[in-house]
Amino acid sequence: MTTVSSSRTPHWPVYSPKLPMAMTTPLYTTAHSTSILKIKEMFLGLFIRHILVEKDGDYIGLLSIGDVLRAGLVAKDLQIKELNAIGSWEYYENWGWPRKKE
């Protein structure tokens, strides 16, 4: 059997089926219904780059911090567009009394 030696896993067998022997950090999971804000807080608070997504006891995906930040930006962009549609600047630009012409 071939072995690999490194500073983290001395003499770890290459063809061993035991993955936990090679892992150095725990896996973090989240439910599929968790909000983007909560997942973003998990990334920043736990200093991690990937989270497994779980639904009904099965893993259905893997989120990276880039995916979550991008989704957060898209959500903020939609919010800004909705707010701009509600309160346009047209009212404020045309506000006031008409001026008298001399």
PDB file of N, CA and C in Angstrom:
ATOM      1  N   MET A   1       0.845  -1.169   0.000  1.00  0.00           N
ATOM      2  CA  MET A   1       0.000   0.000   0.000  1.00  0.00           C
ATOM      3  C   MET A   1       0.894   1.237   0.000  1.00  0.00           C
ATOM      4  N   THR A   2       0.538   2.228  -0.838  1.00  0.00           N
ATOM      5  CA  THR A   2       1.285   3.464  -0.937  1.00  0.00           C
ATOM      6  C   THR A   2       0.822   4.424   0.143  1.00  0.00           C
ATOM      7  N   THR A   3       1.770   5.132   0.732  1.00  0.00           N
ATOM      8  CA  THR A   3       1.416   6.108   1.750  1.00  0.00           C
ATOM      9  C   THR A   3       1.951   7.481   1.365  1.00  0.00           C
ATOM     10  N   VAL A   4       1.285   8.491   1.850  1.00  0.00           N
ATOM     11  CA  VAL A   4       1.690   9.869   1.611  1.00  0.00           C
ATOM     12  C   VAL A   4       1.969  10.499   2.959  1.00  0.00           C
ATOM     13  N   SER A   5       3.038  11.254   3.028  1.00  0.00           N
ATOM     14  CA  SER A   5       3.378  11.911   4.279  1.00  0.00           C
ATOM     15  C   SER A   5       3.314  13.422   4.083  1.00  0.00           C
ATOM     16  N   SER A   6       2.652  14.095   4.985  1.00  0.00           N
ATOM     17  CA  SER A   6       2.618  15.554   4.975  1.00  0.00           C
ATOM     18  C   SER A   6       2.622  16.029   6.414  1.00  0.00           C
ATOM     19  N   SER A   7       2.644  17.333   6.596  1.00  0.00           N
ATOM     20  CA  SER A   7       2.680  17.863   7.955  1.00  0.00           C
ATOM     21  C   SER A   7       1.354  17.643   8.679  1.00  0.00           C
ATOM     22  N   ARG A   8       0.241  17.590   7.924  1.00  0.00           N
ATOM     23  CA  ARG A   8      -1.070  17.411   8.562  1.00  0.00           C
ATOM     24  C   ARG A   8      -1.402  15.949   8.820  1.00  0.00           C
ATOM     25  N   THR A   9      -1.131  15.104   7.866  1.00  0.00           N
ATOM     26  CA  THR A   9      -1.496  13.693   7.999  1.00  0.00           C
ATOM     27  C   THR A   9      -0.273  12.823   7.742  1.00  0.00           C
ATOM     28  N   PRO A  10       0.509  12.579   8.744  1.00  0.00           N
ATOM     29  CA  PRO A  10       1.699  11.757   8.522  1.00  0.00           C
ATOM     30  C   PRO A  10       1.334  10.312   8.182  1.00  0.00           C
ATOM     31  N   HIS A  11       1.909   9.812   7.110  1.00  0.00           N
ATOM     32  CA  HIS A  11       1.762   8.424   6.661  1.00  0.00           C
ATOM     33  C   HIS A  11       0.298   8.026   6.482  1.00  0.00           C
ATOM     34  N   TRP A  12      -0.451   8.867   5.795  1.00  0.00           N
ATOM     35  CA  TRP A  12      -1.852   8.564   5.486  1.00  0.00           C
ATOM     36  C   TRP A  12      -1.908   7.672   4.256  1.00  0.00           C
ATOM     37  N   PRO A  13      -2.583   6.517   4.310  1.00  0.00           N
ATOM     38  CA  PRO A  13      -2.647   5.619   3.159  1.00  0.00           C
ATOM     39  C   PRO A  13      -3.491   6.226   2.029  1.00  0.00           C
ATOM     40  N   VAL A  14      -2.937   6.273   0.831  1.00  0.00           N
ATOM     41  CA  VAL A  14      -3.584   6.904  -0.309  1.00  0.00           C
ATOM     42  C   VAL A  14      -4.885   6.193  -0.679  1.00  0.00           C
ATOM     43  N   TYR A  15      -4.915   4.899  -0.651  1.00  0.00           N
ATOM     44  CA  TYR A  15      -6.083   4.138  -1.097  1.00  0.00           C
ATOM     45  C   TYR A  15      -7.029   3.763   0.042  1.00  0.00           C
ATOM     46  N   SER A  16      -6.918   4.433   1.157  1.00  0.00           N
ATOM     47  CA  SER A  16      -7.787   4.140   2.290  1.00  0.00           C
ATOM     48  C   SER A  16      -9.167   4.758   2.064  1.00  0.00           C
ATOM     49  N   PRO A  17     -10.246   4.031   2.354  1.00  0.00           N
ATOM     50  CA  PRO A  17     -11.585   4.568   2.155  1.00  0.00           C
ATOM     51  C   PRO A  17     -12.058   5.479   3.290  1.00  0.00           C
ATOM     52  N   LYS A  18     -11.217   5.689   4.287  1.00  0.00           N
ATOM     53  CA  LYS A  18     -11.634   6.461   5.455  1.00  0.00           C
ATOM     54  C   LYS A  18     -11.296   7.943   5.260  1.00  0.00           C
ATOM     55  N   LEU A  19     -12.272   8.696   4.795  1.00  0.00           N
ATOM     56  CA  LEU A  19     -12.086  10.111   4.525  1.00  0.00           C
ATOM     57  C   LEU A  19     -11.826  10.933   5.781  1.00  0.00           C
ATOM     58  N   PRO A  20     -12.482  10.653   6.900  1.00  0.00           N
ATOM     59  CA  PRO A  20     -12.233  11.479   8.089  1.00  0.00           C
ATOM     60  C   PRO A  20     -10.768  11.503   8.531  1.00  0.00           C
ATOM     61  N   MET A  21      -9.985  10.527   8.119  1.00  0.00           N
ATOM     62  CA  MET A  21      -8.568  10.542   8.470  1.00  0.00           C
ATOM     63  C   MET A  21      -7.863  11.718   7.807  1.00  0.00           C
ATOM     64  N   ALA A  22      -8.327  12.144   6.644  1.00  0.00           N
ATOM     65  CA  ALA A  22      -7.665  13.212   5.911  1.00  0.00           C
ATOM     66  C   ALA A  22      -8.262  14.585   6.173  1.00  0.00           C
ATOM     67  N   MET A  23      -9.477  14.635   6.668  1.00  0.00           N
ATOM     68  CA  MET A  23     -10.143  15.928   6.870  1.00  0.00           C
ATOM     69  C   MET A  23      -9.575  16.643   8.087  1.00  0.00           C
ATOM     70  N   THR A  24      -9.399  17.955   7.926  1.00  0.00           N
ATOM     71  CA  THR A  24      -8.859  18.739   9.031  1.00  0.00           C
ATOM     72  C   THR A  24      -9.889  19.694   9.614  1.00  0.00           C
ATOM     73  N   THR A  25     -10.989  19.932   8.915  1.00  0.00           N
ATOM     74  CA  THR A  25     -12.025  20.836   9.420  1.00  0.00           C
ATOM     75  C   THR A  25     -13.384  20.142   9.348  1.00  0.00           C
ATOM     76  N   PRO A  26     -14.306  20.542  10.208  1.00  0.00           N
ATOM     77  CA  PRO A  26     -15.644  19.926  10.181  1.00  0.00           C
ATOM     78  C   PRO A  26     -16.468  20.445   9.003  1.00  0.00           C
ATOM     79  N   LEU A  27     -17.489  19.678   8.621  1.00  0.00           N
ATOM     80  CA  LEU A  27     -18.417  20.105   7.579  1.00  0.00           C
ATOM     81  C   LEU A  27     -19.554  20.887   8.221  1.00  0.00           C
ATOM     82  N   TYR A  28     -19.949  21.967   7.573  1.00  0.00           N
ATOM     83  CA  TYR A  28     -21.075  22.764   8.045  1.00  0.00           C
ATOM     84  C   TYR A  28     -22.224  22.611   7.066  1.00  0.00           C
ATOM     85  N   THR A  29     -23.427  22.485   7.595  1.00  0.00           N
ATOM     86  CA  THR A  29     -24.609  22.317   6.759  1.00  0.00           C
ATOM     87  C   THR A  29     -25.650  23.363   7.111  1.00  0.00           C
ATOM     88  N   THR A  30     -26.574  23.574   6.184  1.00  0.00           N
ATOM     89  CA  THR A  30     -27.695  24.464   6.400  1.00  0.00           C
ATOM     90  C   THR A  30     -28.923  23.876   5.725  1.00  0.00           C
ATOM     91  N   ALA A  31     -30.086  24.230   6.227  1.00  0.00           N
ATOM     92  CA  ALA A  31     -31.330  23.772   5.619  1.00  0.00           C
ATOM     93  C   ALA A  31     -31.577  24.535   4.321  1.00  0.00           C
ATOM     94  N   HIS A  32     -32.319  23.920   3.426  1.00  0.00           N
ATOM     95  CA  HIS A  32     -32.582  24.545   2.126  1.00  0.00           C
ATOM     96  C   HIS A  32     -33.448  25.795   2.257  1.00  0.00           C
ATOM     97  N   SER A  33     -34.135  25.955   3.367  1.00  0.00           N
ATOM     98  CA  SER A  33     -35.033  27.093   3.555  1.00  0.00           C
ATOM     99  C   SER A  33     -34.399  28.258   4.323  1.00  0.00           C
ATOM    100  N   THR A  34     -33.116  28.177   4.623  1.00  0.00           N
ATOM    101  CA  THR A  34     -32.436  29.231   5.371  1.00  0.00           C
ATOM    102  C   THR A  34     -32.302  30.485   4.519  1.00  0.00           C
ATOM    103  N   SER A  35     -32.485  31.636   5.135  1.00  0.00           N
ATOM    104  CA  SER A  35     -32.409  32.902   4.393  1.00  0.00           C
ATOM    105  C   SER A  35     -30.975  33.212   3.972  1.00  0.00           C
ATOM    106  N   ILE A  36     -30.862  34.044   2.947  1.00  0.00           N
ATOM    107  CA  ILE A  36     -29.545  34.438   2.434  1.00  0.00           C
ATOM    108  C   ILE A  36     -28.756  35.164   3.517  1.00  0.00           C
ATOM    109  N   LEU A  37     -29.429  36.033   4.259  1.00  0.00           N
ATOM    110  CA  LEU A  37     -28.757  36.797   5.306  1.00  0.00           C
ATOM    111  C   LEU A  37     -28.171  35.879   6.376  1.00  0.00           C
ATOM    112  N   LYS A  38     -28.921  34.872   6.786  1.00  0.00           N
ATOM    113  CA  LYS A  38     -28.449  33.932   7.809  1.00  0.00           C
ATOM    114  C   LYS A  38     -27.241  33.133   7.298  1.00  0.00           C
ATOM    115  N   ILE A  39     -27.288  32.708   6.033  1.00  0.00           N
ATOM    116  CA  ILE A  39     -26.162  31.953   5.468  1.00  0.00           C
ATOM    117  C   ILE A  39     -24.930  32.850   5.362  1.00  0.00           C
ATOM    118  N   LYS A  40     -25.143  34.107   4.984  1.00  0.00           N
ATOM    119  CA  LYS A  40     -24.025  35.047   4.903  1.00  0.00           C
ATOM    120  C   LYS A  40     -23.376  35.223   6.273  1.00  0.00           C
ATOM    121  N   GLU A  41     -24.208  35.305   7.321  1.00  0.00           N
ATOM    122  CA  GLU A  41     -23.683  35.407   8.684  1.00  0.00           C
ATOM    123  C   GLU A  41     -22.892  34.163   9.073  1.00  0.00           C
ATOM    124  N   MET A  42     -23.339  32.994   8.611  1.00  0.00           N
ATOM    125  CA  MET A  42     -22.603  31.760   8.898  1.00  0.00           C
ATOM    126  C   MET A  42     -21.226  31.788   8.255  1.00  0.00           C
ATOM    127  N   PHE A  43     -21.165  32.209   6.985  1.00  0.00           N
ATOM    128  CA  PHE A  43     -19.875  32.295   6.295  1.00  0.00           C
ATOM    129  C   PHE A  43     -18.918  33.222   7.030  1.00  0.00           C
ATOM    130  N   LEU A  44     -19.407  34.405   7.383  1.00  0.00           N
ATOM    131  CA  LEU A  44     -18.543  35.396   8.021  1.00  0.00           C
ATOM    132  C   LEU A  44     -18.200  35.023   9.449  1.00  0.00           C
ATOM    133  N   GLY A  45     -19.145  34.456  10.177  1.00  0.00           N
ATOM    134  CA  GLY A  45     -18.897  34.106  11.571  1.00  0.00           C
ATOM    135  C   GLY A  45     -18.024  32.879  11.761  1.00  0.00           C
ATOM    136  N   LEU A  46     -18.159  31.914  10.861  1.00  0.00           N
ATOM    137  CA  LEU A  46     -17.403  30.658  10.991  1.00  0.00           C
ATOM    138  C   LEU A  46     -16.100  30.660  10.197  1.00  0.00           C
ATOM    139  N   PHE A  47     -15.863  31.717   9.402  1.00  0.00           N
ATOM    140  CA  PHE A  47     -14.665  31.815   8.558  1.00  0.00           C
ATOM    141  C   PHE A  47     -14.535  30.605   7.635  1.00  0.00           C
ATOM    142  N   ILE A  48     -15.612  30.312   6.905  1.00  0.00           N
ATOM    143  CA  ILE A  48     -15.612  29.181   5.982  1.00  0.00           C
ATOM    144  C   ILE A  48     -15.944  29.665   4.582  1.00  0.00           C
ATOM    145  N   ARG A  49     -15.706  28.820   3.579  1.00  0.00           N
ATOM    146  CA  ARG A  49     -15.968  29.195   2.195  1.00  0.00           C
ATOM    147  C   ARG A  49     -17.071  28.381   1.540  1.00  0.00           C
ATOM    148  N   HIS A  50     -17.451  27.261   2.135  1.00  0.00           N
ATOM    149  CA  HIS A  50     -18.470  26.391   1.538  1.00  0.00           C
ATOM    150  C   HIS A  50     -19.391  25.836   2.620  1.00  0.00           C
ATOM    151  N   ILE A  51     -20.678  25.681   2.254  1.00  0.00           N
ATOM    152  CA  ILE A  51     -21.670  25.095   3.154  1.00  0.00           C
ATOM    153  C   ILE A  51     -22.516  24.104   2.356  1.00  0.00           C
ATOM    154  N   LEU A  52     -22.709  22.920   2.929  1.00  0.00           N
ATOM    155  CA  LEU A  52     -23.584  21.928   2.307  1.00  0.00           C
ATOM    156  C   LEU A  52     -25.040  22.284   2.576  1.00  0.00           C
ATOM    157  N   VAL A  53     -25.896  22.128   1.566  1.00  0.00           N
ATOM    158  CA  VAL A  53     -27.324  22.410   1.707  1.00  0.00           C
ATOM    159  C   VAL A  53     -28.054  21.085   1.881  1.00  0.00           C
ATOM    160  N   GLU A  54     -28.876  21.010   2.926  1.00  0.00           N
ATOM    161  CA  GLU A  54     -29.553  19.767   3.287  1.00  0.00           C
ATOM    162  C   GLU A  54     -31.069  19.934   3.175  1.00  0.00           C
ATOM    163  N   LYS A  55     -31.722  18.898   2.645  1.00  0.00           N
ATOM    164  CA  LYS A  55     -33.184  18.880   2.557  1.00  0.00           C
ATOM    165  C   LYS A  55     -33.654  17.453   2.827  1.00  0.00           C
ATOM    166  N   ASP A  56     -34.498  17.288   3.823  1.00  0.00           N
ATOM    167  CA  ASP A  56     -35.048  15.979   4.196  1.00  0.00           C
ATOM    168  C   ASP A  56     -33.973  14.924   4.438  1.00  0.00           C
ATOM    169  N   GLY A  57     -32.873  15.327   5.071  1.00  0.00           N
ATOM    170  CA  GLY A  57     -31.808  14.388   5.392  1.00  0.00           C
ATOM    171  C   GLY A  57     -30.846  14.094   4.267  1.00  0.00           C
ATOM    172  N   ASP A  58     -31.058  14.657   3.081  1.00  0.00           N
ATOM    173  CA  ASP A  58     -30.164  14.450   1.940  1.00  0.00           C
ATOM    174  C   ASP A  58     -29.458  15.761   1.607  1.00  0.00           C
ATOM    175  N   TYR A  59     -28.221  15.643   1.139  1.00  0.00           N
ATOM    176  CA  TYR A  59     -27.490  16.820   0.685  1.00  0.00           C
ATOM    177  C   TYR A  59     -27.893  17.102  -0.750  1.00  0.00           C
ATOM    178  N   ILE A  60     -28.372  18.324  -0.991  1.00  0.00           N
ATOM    179  CA  ILE A  60     -28.855  18.659  -2.335  1.00  0.00           C
ATOM    180  C   ILE A  60     -27.962  19.663  -3.043  1.00  0.00           C
ATOM    181  N   GLY A  61     -26.972  20.213  -2.358  1.00  0.00           N
ATOM    182  CA  GLY A  61     -26.101  21.174  -3.021  1.00  0.00           C
ATOM    183  C   GLY A  61     -24.993  21.668  -2.127  1.00  0.00           C
ATOM    184  N   LEU A  62     -24.154  22.486  -2.738  1.00  0.00           N
ATOM    185  CA  LEU A  62     -23.013  23.072  -2.050  1.00  0.00           C
ATOM    186  C   LEU A  62     -22.971  24.546  -2.406  1.00  0.00           C
ATOM    187  N   LEU A  63     -23.032  25.407  -1.400  1.00  0.00           N
ATOM    188  CA  LEU A  63     -22.982  26.848  -1.626  1.00  0.00           C
ATOM    189  C   LEU A  63     -21.594  27.368  -1.303  1.00  0.00           C
ATOM    190  N   SER A  64     -21.124  28.261  -2.146  1.00  0.00           N
ATOM    191  CA  SER A  64     -19.872  28.950  -1.842  1.00  0.00           C
ATOM    192  C   SER A  64     -20.196  30.358  -1.385  1.00  0.00           C
ATOM    193  N   ILE A  65     -19.240  31.025  -0.808  1.00  0.00           N
ATOM    194  CA  ILE A  65     -19.468  32.382  -0.326  1.00  0.00           C
ATOM    195  C   ILE A  65     -19.759  33.312  -1.501  1.00  0.00           C
ATOM    196  N   GLY A  66     -19.172  33.039  -2.662  1.00  0.00           N
ATOM    197  CA  GLY A  66     -19.448  33.845  -3.854  1.00  0.00           C
ATOM    198  C   GLY A  66     -20.897  33.732  -4.294  1.00  0.00           C
ATOM    199  N   ASP A  67     -21.450  32.522  -4.222  1.00  0.00           N
ATOM    200  CA  ASP A  67     -22.861  32.313  -4.576  1.00  0.00           C
ATOM    201  C   ASP A  67     -23.778  33.139  -3.673  1.00  0.00           C
ATOM    202  N   VAL A  68     -23.487  33.121  -2.384  1.00  0.00           N
ATOM    203  CA  VAL A  68     -24.344  33.805  -1.423  1.00  0.00           C
ATOM    204  C   VAL A  68     -24.212  35.316  -1.545  1.00  0.00           C
ATOM    205  N   LEU A  69     -22.993  35.812  -1.721  1.00  0.00           N
ATOM    206  CA  LEU A  69     -22.817  37.254  -1.889  1.00  0.00           C
ATOM    207  C   LEU A  69     -23.495  37.744  -3.166  1.00  0.00           C
ATOM    208  N   ARG A  70     -23.389  36.978  -4.231  1.00  0.00           N
ATOM    209  CA  ARG A  70     -24.045  37.340  -5.488  1.00  0.00           C
ATOM    210  C   ARG A  70     -25.566  37.370  -5.322  1.00  0.00           C
ATOM    211  N   ALA A  71     -26.123  36.370  -4.655  1.00  0.00           N
ATOM    212  CA  ALA A  71     -27.568  36.336  -4.418  1.00  0.00           C
ATOM    213  C   ALA A  71     -28.005  37.507  -3.546  1.00  0.00           C
ATOM    214  N   GLY A  72     -27.194  37.872  -2.575  1.00  0.00           N
ATOM    215  CA  GLY A  72     -27.507  39.015  -1.729  1.00  0.00           C
ATOM    216  C   GLY A  72     -27.516  40.321  -2.509  1.00  0.00           C
ATOM    217  N   LEU A  73     -26.557  40.467  -3.430  1.00  0.00           N
ATOM    218  CA  LEU A  73     -26.512  41.673  -4.258  1.00  0.00           C
ATOM    219  C   LEU A  73     -27.704  41.750  -5.202  1.00  0.00           C
ATOM    220  N   VAL A  74     -28.103  40.621  -5.761  1.00  0.00           N
ATOM    221  CA  VAL A  74     -29.271  40.595  -6.651  1.00  0.00           C
ATOM    222  C   VAL A  74     -30.526  40.976  -5.869  1.00  0.00           C
ATOM    223  N   ALA A  75     -30.656  40.459  -4.639  1.00  0.00           N
ATOM    224  CA  ALA A  75     -31.818  40.790  -3.804  1.00  0.00           C
ATOM    225  C   ALA A  75     -31.838  42.281  -3.464  1.00  0.00           C
ATOM    226  N   LYS A  76     -30.674  42.845  -3.139  1.00  0.00           N
ATOM    227  CA  LYS A  76     -30.605  44.279  -2.837  1.00  0.00           C
ATOM    228  C   LYS A  76     -30.945  45.107  -4.068  1.00  0.00           C
ATOM    229  N   ASP A  77     -30.491  44.683  -5.239  1.00  0.00           N
ATOM    230  CA  ASP A  77     -30.792  45.400  -6.475  1.00  0.00           C
ATOM    231  C   ASP A  77     -32.296  45.418  -6.744  1.00  0.00           C
ATOM    232  N   LEU A  78     -32.964  44.293  -6.509  1.00  0.00           N
ATOM    233  CA  LEU A  78     -34.418  44.249  -6.682  1.00  0.00           C
ATOM    234  C   LEU A  78     -35.129  45.166  -5.684  1.00  0.00           C
ATOM    235  N   GLN A  79     -34.649  45.207  -4.455  1.00  0.00           N
ATOM    236  CA  GLN A  79     -35.228  46.089  -3.445  1.00  0.00           C
ATOM    237  C   GLN A  79     -35.100  47.551  -3.873  1.00  0.00           C
ATOM    238  N   ILE A  80     -33.936  47.930  -4.372  1.00  0.00           N
ATOM    239  CA  ILE A  80     -33.709  49.307  -4.796  1.00  0.00           C
ATOM    240  C   ILE A  80     -34.621  49.666  -5.972  1.00  0.00           C
ATOM    241  N   LYS A  81     -34.783  48.743  -6.907  1.00  0.00           N
ATOM    242  CA  LYS A  81     -35.670  49.004  -8.044  1.00  0.00           C
ATOM    243  C   LYS A  81     -37.119  49.167  -7.592  1.00  0.00           C
ATOM    244  N   GLU A  82     -37.550  48.355  -6.637  1.00  0.00           N
ATOM    245  CA  GLU A  82     -38.912  48.479  -6.109  1.00  0.00           C
ATOM    246  C   GLU A  82     -39.108  49.813  -5.401  1.00  0.00           C
ATOM    247  N   LEU A  83     -38.132  50.227  -4.612  1.00  0.00           N
ATOM    248  CA  LEU A  83     -38.224  51.504  -3.909  1.00  0.00           C
ATOM    249  C   LEU A  83     -38.223  52.683  -4.884  1.00  0.00           C
ATOM    250  N   ASN A  84     -37.425  52.587  -5.936  1.00  0.00           N
ATOM    251  CA  ASN A  84     -37.411  53.645  -6.947  1.00  0.00           C
ATOM    252  C   ASN A  84     -38.746  53.736  -7.668  1.00  0.00           C
ATOM    253  N   ALA A  85     -39.397  52.612  -7.868  1.00  0.00           N
ATOM    254  CA  ALA A  85     -40.707  52.625  -8.527  1.00  0.00           C
ATOM    255  C   ALA A  85     -41.774  53.255  -7.621  1.00  0.00           C
ATOM    256  N   ILE A  86     -41.663  53.050  -6.322  1.00  0.00           N
ATOM    257  CA  ILE A  86     -42.641  53.599  -5.382  1.00  0.00           C
ATOM    258  C   ILE A  86     -42.484  55.116  -5.242  1.00  0.00           C
ATOM    259  N   GLY A  87     -41.288  55.549  -4.982  1.00  0.00           N
ATOM    260  CA  GLY A  87     -41.061  56.972  -4.748  1.00  0.00           C
ATOM    261  C   GLY A  87     -40.117  57.547  -5.773  1.00  0.00           C
ATOM    262  N   SER A  88     -40.658  58.033  -6.871  1.00  0.00           N
ATOM    263  CA  SER A  88     -39.791  58.598  -7.904  1.00  0.00           C
ATOM    264  C   SER A  88     -39.435  60.037  -7.550  1.00  0.00           C
ATOM    265  N   TRP A  89     -38.433  60.557  -8.198  1.00  0.00           N
ATOM    266  CA  TRP A  89     -37.968  61.921  -7.964  1.00  0.00           C
ATOM    267  C   TRP A  89     -38.825  62.942  -8.707  1.00  0.00           C
ATOM    268  N   GLU A  90     -39.712  62.485  -9.557  1.00  0.00           N
ATOM    269  CA  GLU A  90     -40.528  63.405 -10.352  1.00  0.00           C
ATOM    270  C   GLU A  90     -41.335  64.348  -9.458  1.00  0.00           C
ATOM    271  N   TYR A  91     -41.883  63.837  -8.394  1.00  0.00           N
ATOM    272  CA  TYR A  91     -42.664  64.664  -7.468  1.00  0.00           C
ATOM    273  C   TYR A  91     -41.806  65.794  -6.913  1.00  0.00           C
ATOM    274  N   TYR A  92     -40.600  65.476  -6.508  1.00  0.00           N
ATOM    275  CA  TYR A  92     -39.735  66.481  -5.891  1.00  0.00           C
ATOM    276  C   TYR A  92     -39.181  67.467  -6.913  1.00  0.00           C
ATOM    277  N   GLU A  93     -38.972  67.011  -8.133  1.00  0.00           N
ATOM    278  CA  GLU A  93     -38.458  67.894  -9.170  1.00  0.00           C
ATOM    279  C   GLU A  93     -39.498  68.937  -9.572  1.00  0.00           C
ATOM    280  N   ASN A  94     -40.778  68.597  -9.540  1.00  0.00           N
ATOM    281  CA  ASN A  94     -41.850  69.501  -9.948  1.00  0.00           C
ATOM    282  C   ASN A  94     -42.589  70.119  -8.769  1.00  0.00           C
ATOM    283  N   TRP A  95     -42.032  70.010  -7.581  1.00  0.00           N
ATOM    284  CA  TRP A  95     -42.694  70.502  -6.390  1.00  0.00           C
ATOM    285  C   TRP A  95     -42.565  72.020  -6.299  1.00  0.00           C
ATOM    286  N   GLY A  96     -43.550  72.638  -5.774  1.00  0.00           N
ATOM    287  CA  GLY A  96     -43.485  74.078  -5.553  1.00  0.00           C
ATOM    288  C   GLY A  96     -44.561  74.817  -6.327  1.00  0.00           C
ATOM    289  N   TRP A  97     -44.558  76.114  -6.159  1.00  0.00           N
ATOM    290  CA  TRP A  97     -45.530  76.973  -6.827  1.00  0.00           C
ATOM    291  C   TRP A  97     -45.008  77.388  -8.181  1.00  0.00           C
ATOM    292  N   PRO A  98     -45.903  77.501  -9.137  1.00  0.00           N
ATOM    293  CA  PRO A  98     -45.443  77.986 -10.433  1.00  0.00           C
ATOM    294  C   PRO A  98     -44.976  79.443 -10.305  1.00  0.00           C
ATOM    295  N   ARG A  99     -43.900  79.761 -10.956  1.00  0.00           N
ATOM    296  CA  ARG A  99     -43.356  81.118 -10.898  1.00  0.00           C
ATOM    297  C   ARG A  99     -44.124  82.057 -11.798  1.00  0.00           C
ATOM    298  N   LYS A 100     -44.203  83.257 -11.349  1.00  0.00           N
ATOM    299  CA  LYS A 100     -44.871  84.276 -12.168  1.00  0.00           C
ATOM    300  C   LYS A 100     -43.940  84.737 -13.267  1.00  0.00           C
ATOM    301  N   LYS A 101     -44.470  84.854 -14.447  1.00  0.00           N
ATOM    302  CA  LYS A 101     -43.668  85.316 -15.564  1.00  0.00           C
ATOM    303  C   LYS A 101     -43.716  86.839 -15.581  1.00  0.00           C
ATOM    304  N   GLU A 102     -42.607  87.459 -15.764  1.00  0.00           N
ATOM    305  CA  GLU A 102     -42.548  88.921 -15.781  1.00  0.00           C
ATOM    306  C   GLU A 102     -42.660  89.472 -17.159  1.00  0.00           C
TER     307      GLU A 102
END
